[in-house]
């Protein structure tokens, strides 16, 4: 069986928004506001710009490579299988532990709302298993569920924004940059964790209608919409309470709304926290399972991961994604997985920007593409800016998390070399990568 193209531009934007509007806006924005002060507005704008740099790199490659697998498929097709595998490994690892982190936030919100006094891990595991099931029953069901979740999130956030205007204190913005430029950059690094979901749609290229046009549009629209929303929420948040009140808050929106003494609003915000984290969990399983599927299809990982069931979904890859998320959830601390997730995904984004530079030279060497390139002076500047800004963000990630990322890079490199060596020793043919062989002139879209 094959994957079916059921995802339209609207669905694609909803999937990306479901991945972006989650723990970032309901959890991290409070800590980021404390670090940057009212200048968090600048941090959000910078995060959006940085996301657009890498988003444009993704978009340009998507015009030429339209197969399932995101970073893995893009880097493999433009450069070679090894950077593709390493990029896919890092992206998948980062997002699987991101699933664990967000599911744990879901558990905390659920425990607070229900008052059952159960371990949040119980709710988190239930969340992962539930959305694993939704994923198994087809991409259409996943898209519909994500759309419903995003609509609820948007309604909750708009209610929060308009309610906050009734008790807005402009004096809270008087000390605009309490921690200077350093605080703004730290806030940018924290907020960017939320924006990393913009690449989710690239993992389902085989299931998108007209992916060459839909993917770039979905990436840019989702970044712009979420940036505007984040700015409005941040302004409201700081208009209700001064930035230093959010120093240790894990539910900043609920804390802010308490100043209005409206019990029903507090409940509504808690529901929003639940649906937002649920949406990120659902899109996380969707994205990581498709990358595992693509790796299994190319036999970079066990081929069983590429099995497609009667619902046209990679059921084994979905189950493995969920299982790994639960393992990280149980055995790794929340703080560590959030930082390690961010670091790993950022590493994969460096690889995708390098791939965009490689694509530039492939196109430049194609005589029939030179006219197109002459009209795009930004073609190579954008990925260079993407790499530079990502490295700047990574400087503000703690050493322990960067060390984990370094170990993962080394392990992925060793695994790839050992696998290749063993295959040669056993006399087996190394799986061919059709996109690598045919990328040249035949893969280039000409106008």
Protein backbone atom coordinates (compact mmCIF):
# COMPACT_ATOMS: atom_id res chain seq x y z
CA UNK A 1 0.00 0.00 0.00
CA UNK A 2 1.02 3.62 -0.49
CA UNK A 3 0.56 6.85 1.43
CA UNK A 4 -2.27 9.03 0.09
CA UNK A 5 -2.21 12.77 -0.67
CA UNK A 6 -5.01 14.10 1.56
CA UNK A 7 -3.41 17.17 3.16
CA UNK A 8 -4.35 20.59 1.74
CA UNK A 9 -2.71 23.96 2.48
CA UNK A 10 -5.24 24.60 5.26
CA UNK A 11 -4.51 21.21 6.85
CA UNK A 12 -0.76 21.78 6.51
CA UNK A 13 -0.95 25.17 8.25
CA UNK A 14 -3.07 23.64 11.03
CA UNK A 15 -0.52 20.84 11.53
CA UNK A 16 2.29 23.37 11.87
CA UNK A 17 0.28 25.62 14.20
CA UNK A 18 -0.58 22.56 16.28
CA UNK A 19 3.16 21.92 16.63
CA UNK A 20 4.02 25.56 17.43
CA UNK A 21 1.17 26.67 19.71
CA UNK A 22 1.92 24.41 22.65
CA UNK A 23 4.25 24.36 25.61
CA UNK A 24 5.98 27.48 24.29
CA UNK A 25 2.99 29.76 24.66
CA UNK A 26 1.49 28.10 27.75
CA UNK A 27 4.70 27.37 29.69
CA UNK A 28 7.97 28.77 28.32
CA UNK A 29 6.72 32.28 27.55
CA UNK A 30 6.60 33.05 31.29
CA UNK A 31 10.24 32.10 31.93
CA UNK A 32 11.30 33.87 28.72
CA UNK A 33 9.43 37.01 29.84
CA UNK A 34 11.31 36.96 33.14
CA UNK A 35 14.65 36.66 31.32
CA UNK A 36 13.98 39.39 28.74
CA UNK A 37 11.47 41.59 30.58
CA UNK A 38 9.01 43.54 28.40
CA UNK A 39 11.65 43.24 25.67
CA UNK A 40 10.31 39.69 25.21
CA UNK A 41 8.43 41.29 22.31
CA UNK A 42 11.79 41.81 20.57
CA UNK A 43 12.78 38.22 21.48
CA UNK A 44 9.65 36.87 19.79
CA UNK A 45 10.27 38.94 16.65
CA UNK A 46 13.88 37.71 16.52
CA UNK A 47 12.76 34.10 17.02
CA UNK A 48 10.29 34.49 14.17
CA UNK A 49 12.98 35.94 11.88
CA UNK A 50 15.41 33.13 12.74
CA UNK A 51 12.65 30.59 12.07
CA UNK A 52 11.94 32.24 8.71
CA UNK A 53 15.62 31.95 7.68
CA UNK A 54 15.61 28.19 8.18
CA UNK A 55 12.00 27.97 6.97
CA UNK A 56 13.06 29.51 3.64
CA UNK A 57 15.86 26.96 3.37
CA UNK A 58 13.33 24.18 3.93
CA UNK A 59 10.99 25.82 1.41
CA UNK A 60 13.60 26.06 -1.35
CA UNK A 61 14.57 22.41 -0.96
CA UNK A 62 10.88 21.42 -0.85
CA UNK A 63 10.48 22.82 -4.38
CA UNK A 64 12.85 20.10 -5.62
CA UNK A 65 12.42 17.24 -3.15
CA UNK A 66 8.88 16.19 -2.31
CA UNK A 67 9.27 12.86 -0.52
CA UNK A 68 8.29 11.92 3.03
CA UNK A 69 11.00 12.36 5.67
CA UNK A 70 11.72 16.05 6.35
CA UNK A 71 15.33 16.82 7.29
CA UNK A 72 16.40 13.24 6.55
CA UNK A 73 15.02 13.17 3.02
CA UNK A 74 16.04 16.74 2.18
CA UNK A 75 19.67 16.43 3.29
CA UNK A 76 19.99 12.96 1.75
CA UNK A 77 18.62 14.07 -1.61
CA UNK A 78 20.64 17.27 -1.88
CA UNK A 79 23.94 16.06 -0.40
CA UNK A 80 24.33 12.36 0.42
CA UNK A 81 22.84 9.61 2.61
CA UNK A 82 25.19 10.19 5.56
CA UNK A 83 24.27 13.83 6.38
CA UNK A 84 20.67 12.87 5.67
CA UNK A 85 20.82 10.08 8.21
CA UNK A 86 22.56 12.25 10.84
CA UNK A 87 20.10 15.12 10.31
CA UNK A 88 17.14 12.77 10.48
CA UNK A 89 18.54 11.07 13.58
CA UNK A 90 19.00 14.40 15.39
CA UNK A 91 15.60 15.78 14.34
CA UNK A 92 13.81 12.59 15.36
CA UNK A 93 15.62 12.34 18.69
CA UNK A 94 14.90 15.99 19.47
CA UNK A 95 11.23 15.67 18.66
CA UNK A 96 10.72 12.35 20.44
CA UNK A 97 12.09 13.77 23.69
CA UNK A 98 10.07 16.89 22.91
CA UNK A 99 6.98 14.65 22.87
CA UNK A 100 7.97 13.43 26.34
CA UNK A 101 8.43 16.98 27.66
CA UNK A 102 5.14 18.29 26.26
CA UNK A 103 3.21 15.20 27.35
CA UNK A 104 4.51 15.76 30.88
CA UNK A 105 3.21 19.35 30.71
CA UNK A 106 -0.13 17.91 29.57
CA UNK A 107 -0.08 15.65 32.63
CA UNK A 108 0.58 18.58 34.96
CA UNK A 109 -2.25 20.68 33.50
CA UNK A 110 -4.60 17.67 33.60
CA UNK A 111 -3.75 16.89 37.23
CA UNK A 112 -4.28 20.51 38.24
CA UNK A 113 -7.63 20.72 36.45
CA UNK A 114 -9.08 17.40 37.63
CA UNK A 115 -7.70 17.48 41.16
CA UNK A 116 -7.25 13.70 41.12
CA UNK A 117 -3.79 14.04 42.73
CA UNK A 118 -2.35 11.42 40.40
CA UNK A 119 1.22 11.40 39.14
CA UNK A 120 1.34 13.62 36.01
CA UNK A 121 3.29 10.82 34.31
CA UNK A 122 0.06 8.74 34.31
CA UNK A 123 -1.79 11.42 32.33
CA UNK A 124 1.24 11.93 30.08
CA UNK A 125 1.44 8.24 29.12
CA UNK A 126 -2.33 8.19 28.51
CA UNK A 127 -1.94 11.22 26.25
CA UNK A 128 0.82 9.60 24.17
CA UNK A 129 -1.08 6.31 23.78
CA UNK A 130 -4.29 8.14 22.85
CA UNK A 131 -2.68 10.16 20.09
CA UNK A 132 -0.73 7.15 18.89
CA UNK A 133 -4.13 5.58 18.25
CA UNK A 134 -5.43 8.68 16.45
CA UNK A 135 -2.35 8.61 14.20
CA UNK A 136 -2.84 4.94 13.39
CA UNK A 137 -6.38 5.55 12.10
CA UNK A 138 -5.17 7.72 9.24
CA UNK A 139 -3.77 11.12 8.32
CA UNK A 140 -7.28 12.52 7.70
CA UNK A 141 -8.31 11.76 11.27
CA UNK A 142 -5.07 13.25 12.57
CA UNK A 143 -5.56 16.41 10.49
CA UNK A 144 -9.15 16.82 11.68
CA UNK A 145 -8.14 16.30 15.32
CA UNK A 146 -5.28 18.79 15.01
CA UNK A 147 -7.57 21.36 13.36
CA UNK A 148 -10.06 21.04 16.21
CA UNK A 149 -7.30 21.41 18.80
CA UNK A 150 -5.83 24.49 17.08
CA UNK A 151 -9.25 26.17 16.89
CA UNK A 152 -9.77 25.59 20.63
CA UNK A 153 -6.30 27.00 21.34
CA UNK A 154 -6.96 30.10 19.26
CA UNK A 155 -10.31 30.71 20.98
CA UNK A 156 -8.73 30.33 24.44
CA UNK A 157 -5.87 32.68 23.59
CA UNK A 158 -8.17 35.32 22.09
CA UNK A 159 -10.35 35.20 25.22
CA UNK A 160 -7.17 35.60 27.31
CA UNK A 161 -6.03 38.60 25.24
CA UNK A 162 -9.37 40.43 25.30
CA UNK A 163 -9.93 39.67 29.01
CA UNK A 164 -6.47 40.99 29.84
CA UNK A 165 -7.24 44.35 28.27
CA UNK A 166 -9.73 45.06 31.06
CA UNK A 167 -6.98 45.11 33.69
CA UNK A 168 -3.99 46.25 31.63
CA UNK A 169 -1.18 48.12 33.44
CA UNK A 170 1.01 50.02 30.97
CA UNK A 171 3.42 50.86 33.81
CA UNK A 172 4.66 47.25 33.72
CA UNK A 173 6.50 48.16 30.49
CA UNK A 174 8.46 51.08 31.97
CA UNK A 175 11.63 49.04 32.55
CA UNK A 176 11.66 47.66 29.01
CA UNK A 177 15.10 45.96 28.95
CA UNK A 178 15.92 45.02 32.56
CA UNK A 179 18.60 42.51 31.55
CA UNK A 180 19.88 44.28 28.45
CA UNK A 181 20.78 42.64 25.15
CA UNK A 182 21.83 39.43 26.91
CA UNK A 183 18.32 39.06 28.34
CA UNK A 184 16.77 39.54 24.90
CA UNK A 185 18.98 36.86 23.33
CA UNK A 186 18.28 34.46 26.21
CA UNK A 187 14.57 35.08 25.71
CA UNK A 188 15.01 34.45 21.99
CA UNK A 189 16.73 31.12 22.65
CA UNK A 190 13.90 30.04 24.95
CA UNK A 191 11.08 31.16 22.67
CA UNK A 192 12.66 29.52 19.62
CA UNK A 193 11.92 26.17 21.28
CA UNK A 194 8.27 26.82 20.41
CA UNK A 195 8.97 27.78 16.80
CA UNK A 196 10.82 24.54 16.00
CA UNK A 197 7.44 23.01 15.08
CA UNK A 198 7.41 24.92 11.77
CA UNK A 199 9.20 22.05 10.04
CA UNK A 200 6.62 19.43 10.99
CA UNK A 201 4.84 19.66 7.64
CA UNK A 202 8.02 18.68 5.75
CA UNK A 203 7.87 15.19 7.26
CA UNK A 204 4.60 14.33 5.47
CA UNK A 205 5.42 15.39 1.89
CA UNK A 206 4.01 12.20 0.37
CA UNK A 207 0.65 12.96 1.98
CA UNK A 208 0.37 16.62 0.88
CA UNK A 209 -1.45 17.83 -2.20
CA UNK A 210 0.99 19.74 -4.48
CA UNK A 211 3.83 19.65 -1.88
CA UNK A 212 6.22 21.84 -3.92
CA UNK A 213 3.92 24.83 -3.40
CA UNK A 214 1.98 23.83 -0.29
CA UNK A 215 4.97 23.20 2.01
CA UNK A 216 6.69 26.59 1.52
CA UNK A 217 3.38 28.44 1.96
CA UNK A 218 2.46 26.44 5.07
CA UNK A 219 5.85 27.10 6.68
CA UNK A 220 5.75 30.86 6.15
CA UNK A 221 2.06 31.26 7.07
CA UNK A 222 2.44 29.26 10.28
CA UNK A 223 5.51 31.26 11.39
CA UNK A 224 3.81 34.61 10.70
CA UNK A 225 0.51 33.65 12.39
CA UNK A 226 2.20 32.21 15.47
CA UNK A 227 4.58 35.20 15.78
CA UNK A 228 1.68 37.67 15.83
CA UNK A 229 -0.16 35.50 18.35
CA UNK A 230 2.89 35.19 20.62
CA UNK A 231 3.42 38.96 20.60
CA UNK A 232 -0.22 39.64 21.55
CA UNK A 233 -0.09 37.06 24.35
CA UNK A 234 3.22 38.46 25.67
CA UNK A 235 1.86 42.03 25.72
CA UNK A 236 -1.25 40.85 27.59
CA UNK A 237 0.80 38.74 29.98
CA UNK A 238 3.03 41.64 30.99
CA UNK A 239 0.12 44.06 31.04
CA UNK A 240 -1.50 41.98 33.78
CA UNK A 241 1.59 41.33 35.91
CA UNK A 242 5.19 42.61 35.92
CA UNK A 243 7.80 40.37 34.30
CA UNK A 244 9.47 39.32 37.58
CA UNK A 245 6.27 37.60 38.76
CA UNK A 246 6.83 34.90 36.14
CA UNK A 247 10.28 33.83 37.37
CA UNK A 248 9.28 30.31 38.40
CA UNK A 249 5.78 29.95 36.95
CA UNK A 250 5.05 26.78 34.96
CA UNK A 251 1.60 28.11 33.96
CA UNK A 252 2.11 31.85 33.28
CA UNK A 253 -1.24 32.45 31.57
CA UNK A 254 -3.14 30.98 34.50
CA UNK A 255 -1.04 33.06 36.90
CA UNK A 256 -1.74 36.23 34.92
CA UNK A 257 -5.47 35.65 34.70
CA UNK A 258 -5.76 35.09 38.47
CA UNK A 259 -5.41 38.86 38.91
CA UNK A 260 -8.88 39.17 37.32
CA UNK A 261 -10.35 36.87 40.01
CA UNK A 262 -12.42 35.02 37.42
CA UNK A 263 -12.67 31.32 38.27
CA UNK A 264 -14.12 30.38 34.87
CA UNK A 265 -11.33 32.12 33.00
CA UNK A 266 -8.76 30.19 35.03
CA UNK A 267 -10.49 26.93 34.08
CA UNK A 268 -10.59 28.01 30.42
CA UNK A 269 -6.86 28.77 30.41
CA UNK A 270 -6.16 25.37 31.99
CA UNK A 271 -8.19 23.71 29.25
CA UNK A 272 -6.15 25.64 26.70
CA UNK A 273 -2.95 24.35 28.29
CA UNK A 274 -4.28 20.80 27.96
CA UNK A 275 -5.34 21.14 24.32
CA UNK A 276 -2.15 22.97 23.32
CA UNK A 277 0.17 20.34 24.78
CA UNK A 278 -2.08 17.61 23.36
CA UNK A 279 -1.72 19.15 19.90
CA UNK A 280 2.07 19.18 20.09
CA UNK A 281 2.06 15.55 21.25
CA UNK A 282 -0.16 14.54 18.33
CA UNK A 283 1.90 16.38 15.70
CA UNK A 284 5.11 15.13 17.34
CA UNK A 285 4.10 11.51 16.89
CA UNK A 286 2.92 12.30 13.35
CA UNK A 287 6.25 13.88 12.36
CA UNK A 288 8.69 11.48 14.03
CA UNK A 289 6.85 8.42 12.74
CA UNK A 290 7.16 9.70 9.16
CA UNK A 291 10.91 10.24 9.48
CA UNK A 292 11.30 6.73 10.94
CA UNK A 293 9.15 5.48 8.06
CA UNK A 294 11.41 7.19 5.50
CA UNK A 295 14.54 5.74 7.11
CA UNK A 296 12.96 2.29 7.14
CA UNK A 297 11.96 2.66 3.49
CA UNK A 298 15.62 3.27 2.60
CA UNK A 299 16.77 0.50 4.99
CA UNK A 300 18.80 2.96 7.05
CA UNK A 301 16.74 1.58 9.96
CA UNK A 302 14.84 -1.75 10.10
CA UNK A 303 12.64 -2.04 7.00
CA UNK A 304 9.61 -2.98 9.11
CA UNK A 305 9.31 0.70 10.01
CA UNK A 306 8.16 1.34 6.42
CA UNK A 307 5.19 -1.02 6.71
CA UNK A 308 1.90 0.71 5.76
CA UNK A 309 -1.40 -0.66 7.06
CA UNK A 310 -4.96 -0.53 5.64
CA UNK A 311 -5.39 3.04 6.93
CA UNK A 312 -2.41 4.15 4.78
CA UNK A 313 -0.33 4.93 7.86
CA UNK A 314 3.10 3.61 8.93
CA UNK A 315 1.67 1.84 11.97
CA UNK A 316 4.93 0.30 13.24
CA UNK A 317 6.80 3.62 12.98
CA UNK A 318 3.94 5.32 14.87
CA UNK A 319 4.07 2.72 17.64
CA UNK A 320 7.87 3.03 17.93
CA UNK A 321 7.63 6.85 18.17
CA UNK A 322 5.10 6.59 20.97
CA UNK A 323 7.09 3.90 22.81
CA UNK A 324 10.30 5.94 22.69
CA UNK A 325 8.43 9.01 23.94
CA UNK A 326 7.16 7.04 26.93
CA UNK A 327 10.65 5.69 27.68
CA UNK A 328 12.14 9.20 27.76
CA UNK A 329 9.18 10.39 29.80
CA UNK A 330 9.82 7.84 32.53
CA UNK A 331 13.61 7.82 32.71
CA UNK A 332 14.76 11.39 31.90
CA UNK A 333 14.15 14.58 33.89
CA UNK A 334 11.93 17.32 32.42
CA UNK A 335 14.61 20.05 32.40
CA UNK A 336 17.13 17.82 30.65
CA UNK A 337 14.77 16.68 27.90
CA UNK A 338 13.61 20.20 27.08
CA UNK A 339 17.17 21.50 26.65
CA UNK A 340 18.39 18.36 24.86
CA UNK A 341 15.39 18.46 22.53
CA UNK A 342 16.11 22.06 21.56
CA UNK A 343 19.80 21.40 20.99
CA UNK A 344 19.23 18.30 18.84
CA UNK A 345 16.62 19.97 16.61
CA UNK A 346 18.81 23.05 16.16
CA UNK A 347 21.65 20.78 15.02
CA UNK A 348 19.39 19.26 12.38
CA UNK A 349 18.45 22.78 11.23
CA UNK A 350 22.12 23.60 10.71
CA UNK A 351 22.29 20.54 8.46
CA UNK A 352 19.24 21.67 6.47
CA UNK A 353 20.77 25.13 5.95
CA UNK A 354 24.00 23.51 4.74
CA UNK A 355 21.83 21.44 2.38
CA UNK A 356 20.28 24.65 1.04
CA UNK A 357 23.77 25.98 0.30
CA UNK A 358 24.63 22.70 -1.45
CA UNK A 359 21.43 23.03 -3.48
CA UNK A 360 22.49 26.52 -4.55
CA UNK A 361 25.71 25.20 -6.08
CA UNK A 362 23.89 22.29 -7.74
CA UNK A 363 21.51 24.75 -9.37
CA UNK A 364 24.29 27.17 -10.28
CA UNK A 365 26.16 24.41 -12.08
CA UNK A 366 23.04 23.62 -14.08
CA UNK A 367 23.18 26.00 -17.03
CA UNK A 368 19.41 26.06 -17.47
CA UNK A 369 18.99 27.24 -13.87
CA UNK A 370 21.39 30.19 -14.00
CA UNK A 371 18.71 32.62 -15.16
CA UNK A 372 16.53 31.71 -12.18
CA UNK A 373 19.44 32.08 -9.78
CA UNK A 374 20.34 35.54 -11.07
CA UNK A 375 16.93 36.68 -9.89
CA UNK A 376 17.57 35.32 -6.39
CA UNK A 377 20.57 37.07 -4.81
CA UNK A 378 19.28 35.99 -1.40
CA UNK A 379 19.47 32.31 -2.37
CA UNK A 380 22.76 31.72 -0.54
CA UNK A 381 22.51 34.55 1.99
CA UNK A 382 19.42 33.08 3.66
CA UNK A 383 20.92 29.70 4.71
CA UNK A 384 24.14 31.40 5.86
CA UNK A 385 22.02 33.70 8.03
CA UNK A 386 20.13 30.63 9.25
CA UNK A 387 23.32 28.87 10.34
CA UNK A 388 24.74 31.99 12.02
CA UNK A 389 21.60 32.75 14.04
CA UNK A 390 21.14 29.14 15.12
CA UNK A 391 24.72 29.00 16.38
CA UNK A 392 24.03 32.22 18.32
CA UNK A 393 21.03 30.58 19.98
CA UNK A 394 23.01 27.44 20.80
CA UNK A 395 25.56 29.52 22.70
CA UNK A 396 22.82 30.08 25.28
CA UNK A 397 22.06 26.37 25.76
CA UNK A 398 23.72 24.76 28.78
CA UNK A 399 26.86 22.66 28.35
CA UNK A 400 25.21 19.44 29.59
CA UNK A 401 22.60 19.55 26.82
CA UNK A 402 25.17 20.39 24.18
CA UNK A 403 27.24 17.44 25.43
CA UNK A 404 24.25 15.13 24.94
CA UNK A 405 23.91 16.49 21.41
CA UNK A 406 27.60 15.85 20.75
CA UNK A 407 27.27 12.26 21.96
CA UNK A 408 24.23 11.74 19.72
CA UNK A 409 26.10 13.10 16.71
CA UNK A 410 28.99 10.73 17.39
CA UNK A 411 26.66 7.74 17.88
CA UNK A 412 24.76 8.46 14.66
CA UNK A 413 28.02 8.78 12.72
CA UNK A 414 29.38 5.53 14.19
CA UNK A 415 26.12 3.67 13.56
CA UNK A 416 26.07 4.77 9.94
CA UNK A 417 29.68 3.75 9.30
CA UNK A 418 29.36 0.40 11.13
CA UNK A 419 26.15 -0.45 9.29
CA UNK A 420 27.72 0.38 5.95
CA UNK A 421 30.84 -1.62 6.79
CA UNK A 422 28.89 -4.68 7.96
CA UNK A 423 26.75 -4.64 4.83
CA UNK A 424 29.88 -4.65 2.66
CA UNK A 425 31.48 -7.46 4.69
CA UNK A 426 28.37 -9.61 4.29
CA UNK A 427 28.40 -9.01 0.57
CA UNK A 428 25.02 -7.33 0.53
CA UNK A 429 24.16 -4.44 -1.72
CA UNK A 430 23.87 -1.13 0.09
CA UNK A 431 20.34 0.24 -0.52
CA UNK A 432 20.25 2.67 -3.39
CA UNK A 433 18.87 6.15 -2.82
CA UNK A 434 16.92 7.05 -5.92
CA UNK A 435 16.77 10.73 -5.07
CA UNK A 436 20.56 10.92 -4.77
CA UNK A 437 21.10 9.26 -8.15
CA UNK A 438 18.50 11.31 -9.98
CA UNK A 439 18.71 14.64 -8.22
CA UNK A 440 20.93 16.18 -10.91
CA UNK A 441 19.27 17.78 -13.91
CA UNK A 442 16.24 15.48 -13.91
CA UNK A 443 15.26 16.42 -10.32
CA UNK A 444 15.45 20.17 -10.87
CA UNK A 445 12.21 21.97 -11.48
CA UNK A 446 12.65 24.30 -14.42
CA UNK A 447 10.54 27.30 -15.25
